[in-house]
Amino acid sequence: MEEEFKGHLAVFTGIDGVKFRTMVVPGDRLDMEVELTKRRGPLGKARVLAKVGDKIAVEGEITFAVTKPEESTGQV
């Protein structure tokens, strides 16, 4: 994490190309791999892969915005 965003909150703004490959049930350990593919200021895009053991459960791309905590809750 970059110092300029320390103490901030990342919120999802979109998902693209998501494919659900296998079911995840309570008690499963879900490991996520996230690769930042693009960033411009507080906006970013990342490739995400979630696995249960060696099986891919979900893969796709997410977009997000980094905000100050009070901006994400609507508080002034």
N, C-alpha and C. Protein backbone atom coordinates (compact mmCIF):
# COMPACT_ATOMS: atom_id res chain seq x y z
N MET A 1 0.84 -1.17 0.00
CA MET A 1 0.00 0.00 0.00
C MET A 1 0.88 1.23 0.00
N GLU A 2 0.45 2.23 -0.74
CA GLU A 2 1.22 3.46 -0.79
C GLU A 2 0.85 4.36 0.39
N GLU A 3 1.80 5.09 0.87
CA GLU A 3 1.61 5.95 2.05
C GLU A 3 0.45 6.92 1.89
N GLU A 4 0.24 7.43 0.68
CA GLU A 4 -0.82 8.43 0.48
C GLU A 4 -2.21 7.85 0.76
N PHE A 5 -2.36 6.52 0.73
CA PHE A 5 -3.66 5.90 0.97
C PHE A 5 -3.76 5.22 2.33
N LYS A 6 -2.77 5.39 3.16
CA LYS A 6 -2.79 4.77 4.48
C LYS A 6 -3.97 5.34 5.28
N GLY A 7 -4.76 4.45 5.90
CA GLY A 7 -5.94 4.87 6.67
C GLY A 7 -7.18 5.08 5.82
N HIS A 8 -7.09 4.86 4.51
CA HIS A 8 -8.22 5.02 3.61
C HIS A 8 -8.93 3.68 3.43
N LEU A 9 -10.04 3.69 2.73
CA LEU A 9 -10.86 2.51 2.52
C LEU A 9 -11.04 2.27 1.02
N ALA A 10 -10.85 1.03 0.58
CA ALA A 10 -11.08 0.69 -0.83
C ALA A 10 -12.50 0.14 -0.96
N VAL A 11 -13.25 0.66 -1.93
CA VAL A 11 -14.62 0.19 -2.18
C VAL A 11 -14.73 -0.30 -3.63
N PHE A 12 -15.51 -1.36 -3.82
CA PHE A 12 -15.72 -1.89 -5.17
C PHE A 12 -16.56 -0.92 -5.98
N THR A 13 -16.18 -0.75 -7.24
CA THR A 13 -16.98 0.07 -8.15
C THR A 13 -17.48 -0.76 -9.32
N GLY A 14 -16.94 -1.96 -9.50
CA GLY A 14 -17.42 -2.82 -10.58
C GLY A 14 -16.70 -4.14 -10.65
N ILE A 15 -17.31 -5.09 -11.35
CA ILE A 15 -16.70 -6.39 -11.62
C ILE A 15 -16.91 -6.72 -13.09
N ASP A 16 -15.92 -7.33 -13.71
CA ASP A 16 -15.99 -7.69 -15.13
C ASP A 16 -15.47 -9.09 -15.35
N GLY A 17 -16.07 -9.80 -16.27
CA GLY A 17 -15.57 -11.10 -16.69
C GLY A 17 -15.46 -12.12 -15.58
N VAL A 18 -16.32 -12.04 -14.58
CA VAL A 18 -16.24 -12.97 -13.45
C VAL A 18 -16.84 -14.31 -13.83
N LYS A 19 -16.11 -15.36 -13.51
CA LYS A 19 -16.59 -16.73 -13.77
C LYS A 19 -16.53 -17.50 -12.47
N PHE A 20 -17.64 -18.11 -12.12
CA PHE A 20 -17.71 -18.95 -10.93
C PHE A 20 -17.46 -20.39 -11.38
N ARG A 21 -16.36 -20.97 -10.90
CA ARG A 21 -15.92 -22.28 -11.37
C ARG A 21 -16.35 -23.44 -10.49
N THR A 22 -16.38 -23.23 -9.19
CA THR A 22 -16.76 -24.29 -8.26
C THR A 22 -17.42 -23.68 -7.04
N MET A 23 -18.24 -24.44 -6.36
CA MET A 23 -18.97 -23.93 -5.20
C MET A 23 -18.06 -23.82 -3.98
N VAL A 24 -18.28 -22.76 -3.23
CA VAL A 24 -17.57 -22.57 -1.97
C VAL A 24 -18.62 -22.71 -0.87
N VAL A 25 -18.34 -23.54 0.11
CA VAL A 25 -19.31 -23.81 1.18
C VAL A 25 -18.72 -23.40 2.53
N PRO A 26 -19.57 -23.14 3.53
CA PRO A 26 -19.05 -22.79 4.85
C PRO A 26 -18.04 -23.82 5.33
N GLY A 27 -16.95 -23.33 5.87
CA GLY A 27 -15.86 -24.19 6.34
C GLY A 27 -14.72 -24.30 5.36
N ASP A 28 -14.96 -23.96 4.08
CA ASP A 28 -13.88 -23.96 3.09
C ASP A 28 -12.92 -22.81 3.37
N ARG A 29 -11.67 -23.04 3.06
CA ARG A 29 -10.68 -21.97 3.14
C ARG A 29 -10.55 -21.38 1.74
N LEU A 30 -10.85 -20.11 1.61
CA LEU A 30 -10.81 -19.42 0.32
C LEU A 30 -9.56 -18.55 0.29
N ASP A 31 -8.63 -18.88 -0.60
CA ASP A 31 -7.40 -18.10 -0.76
C ASP A 31 -7.55 -17.22 -2.00
N MET A 32 -7.25 -15.93 -1.84
CA MET A 32 -7.38 -15.00 -2.96
C MET A 32 -6.01 -14.48 -3.40
N GLU A 33 -5.84 -14.41 -4.71
CA GLU A 33 -4.66 -13.80 -5.30
C GLU A 33 -5.14 -12.58 -6.07
N VAL A 34 -4.54 -11.44 -5.80
CA VAL A 34 -4.95 -10.19 -6.43
C VAL A 34 -3.74 -9.54 -7.07
N GLU A 35 -3.87 -9.19 -8.35
CA GLU A 35 -2.78 -8.53 -9.07
C GLU A 35 -3.28 -7.18 -9.57
N LEU A 36 -2.69 -6.11 -9.09
CA LEU A 36 -3.04 -4.78 -9.53
C LEU A 36 -2.59 -4.61 -10.98
N THR A 37 -3.53 -4.34 -11.87
CA THR A 37 -3.18 -4.24 -13.29
C THR A 37 -3.16 -2.80 -13.79
N LYS A 38 -3.87 -1.90 -13.09
CA LYS A 38 -3.92 -0.51 -13.54
C LYS A 38 -4.29 0.37 -12.35
N ARG A 39 -3.67 1.53 -12.27
CA ARG A 39 -4.04 2.48 -11.23
C ARG A 39 -3.81 3.89 -11.72
N ARG A 40 -4.78 4.73 -11.46
CA ARG A 40 -4.66 6.15 -11.78
C ARG A 40 -5.28 6.91 -10.62
N GLY A 41 -4.43 7.53 -9.82
CA GLY A 41 -4.91 8.23 -8.63
C GLY A 41 -5.59 7.26 -7.69
N PRO A 42 -6.80 7.61 -7.24
CA PRO A 42 -7.50 6.75 -6.28
C PRO A 42 -8.29 5.60 -6.94
N LEU A 43 -8.25 5.49 -8.26
CA LEU A 43 -8.99 4.45 -8.97
C LEU A 43 -8.05 3.35 -9.43
N GLY A 44 -8.55 2.11 -9.40
CA GLY A 44 -7.70 1.01 -9.82
C GLY A 44 -8.47 -0.16 -10.38
N LYS A 45 -7.73 -1.07 -11.00
CA LYS A 45 -8.28 -2.27 -11.58
C LYS A 45 -7.35 -3.42 -11.20
N ALA A 46 -7.93 -4.57 -10.88
CA ALA A 46 -7.12 -5.72 -10.47
C ALA A 46 -7.71 -7.02 -11.00
N ARG A 47 -6.84 -7.94 -11.28
CA ARG A 47 -7.21 -9.31 -11.67
C ARG A 47 -7.27 -10.12 -10.39
N VAL A 48 -8.36 -10.88 -10.20
CA VAL A 48 -8.58 -11.63 -8.96
C VAL A 48 -8.80 -13.10 -9.26
N LEU A 49 -8.18 -13.95 -8.44
CA LEU A 49 -8.32 -15.39 -8.55
C LEU A 49 -8.54 -15.92 -7.13
N ALA A 50 -9.64 -16.65 -6.93
CA ALA A 50 -9.92 -17.22 -5.61
C ALA A 50 -9.93 -18.74 -5.74
N LYS A 51 -9.24 -19.41 -4.82
CA LYS A 51 -9.12 -20.86 -4.87
C LYS A 51 -9.55 -21.50 -3.57
N VAL A 52 -10.08 -22.71 -3.69
CA VAL A 52 -10.31 -23.59 -2.54
C VAL A 52 -9.38 -24.78 -2.79
N GLY A 53 -8.32 -24.86 -2.01
CA GLY A 53 -7.29 -25.87 -2.28
C GLY A 53 -6.63 -25.54 -3.59
N ASP A 54 -6.58 -26.52 -4.50
CA ASP A 54 -5.99 -26.30 -5.83
C ASP A 54 -7.02 -25.95 -6.89
N LYS A 55 -8.31 -25.94 -6.50
CA LYS A 55 -9.39 -25.66 -7.47
C LYS A 55 -9.70 -24.17 -7.52
N ILE A 56 -9.81 -23.67 -8.75
CA ILE A 56 -10.21 -22.27 -8.92
C ILE A 56 -11.70 -22.17 -8.66
N ALA A 57 -12.08 -21.29 -7.73
CA ALA A 57 -13.49 -21.10 -7.40
C ALA A 57 -14.07 -19.93 -8.19
N VAL A 58 -13.33 -18.83 -8.26
CA VAL A 58 -13.79 -17.61 -8.94
C VAL A 58 -12.60 -16.92 -9.56
N GLU A 59 -12.82 -16.34 -10.74
CA GLU A 59 -11.79 -15.50 -11.35
C GLU A 59 -12.45 -14.37 -12.11
N GLY A 60 -11.76 -13.26 -12.21
CA GLY A 60 -12.31 -12.12 -12.92
C GLY A 60 -11.51 -10.87 -12.65
N GLU A 61 -12.14 -9.73 -12.93
CA GLU A 61 -11.48 -8.44 -12.77
C GLU A 61 -12.38 -7.53 -11.95
N ILE A 62 -11.79 -6.79 -11.02
CA ILE A 62 -12.54 -5.85 -10.21
C ILE A 62 -12.01 -4.45 -10.43
N THR A 63 -12.88 -3.47 -10.27
CA THR A 63 -12.45 -2.08 -10.26
C THR A 63 -12.79 -1.52 -8.88
N PHE A 64 -12.02 -0.55 -8.43
CA PHE A 64 -12.22 -0.04 -7.08
C PHE A 64 -11.80 1.42 -7.00
N ALA A 65 -12.25 2.06 -5.93
CA ALA A 65 -11.86 3.43 -5.63
C ALA A 65 -11.38 3.47 -4.19
N VAL A 66 -10.34 4.22 -3.94
CA VAL A 66 -9.82 4.39 -2.58
C VAL A 66 -10.36 5.72 -2.07
N THR A 67 -11.07 5.66 -0.92
CA THR A 67 -11.68 6.87 -0.36
C THR A 67 -11.27 7.04 1.09
N LYS A 68 -11.48 8.24 1.58
CA LYS A 68 -11.32 8.46 3.02
C LYS A 68 -12.52 7.79 3.70
N PRO A 69 -12.36 7.22 4.88
CA PRO A 69 -13.47 6.51 5.52
C PRO A 69 -14.76 7.32 5.62
N GLU A 70 -14.71 8.60 5.90
CA GLU A 70 -15.94 9.38 6.03
C GLU A 70 -16.63 9.59 4.69
N GLU A 71 -15.90 9.55 3.56
CA GLU A 71 -16.51 9.70 2.23
C GLU A 71 -17.31 8.46 1.86
N SER A 72 -16.89 7.28 2.28
CA SER A 72 -17.57 6.04 1.89
C SER A 72 -18.85 5.82 2.68
N THR A 73 -19.02 6.47 3.82
CA THR A 73 -20.23 6.27 4.62
C THR A 73 -21.23 7.41 4.44
N GLY A 74 -20.86 8.43 3.68
CA GLY A 74 -21.75 9.54 3.45
C GLY A 74 -21.72 10.57 4.58
N GLN A 75 -20.85 10.39 5.56
CA GLN A 75 -20.75 11.35 6.65
C GLN A 75 -19.96 12.57 6.21
N VAL A 76 -20.28 13.70 6.78
CA VAL A 76 -19.58 14.94 6.43
C VAL A 76 -18.69 15.37 7.55
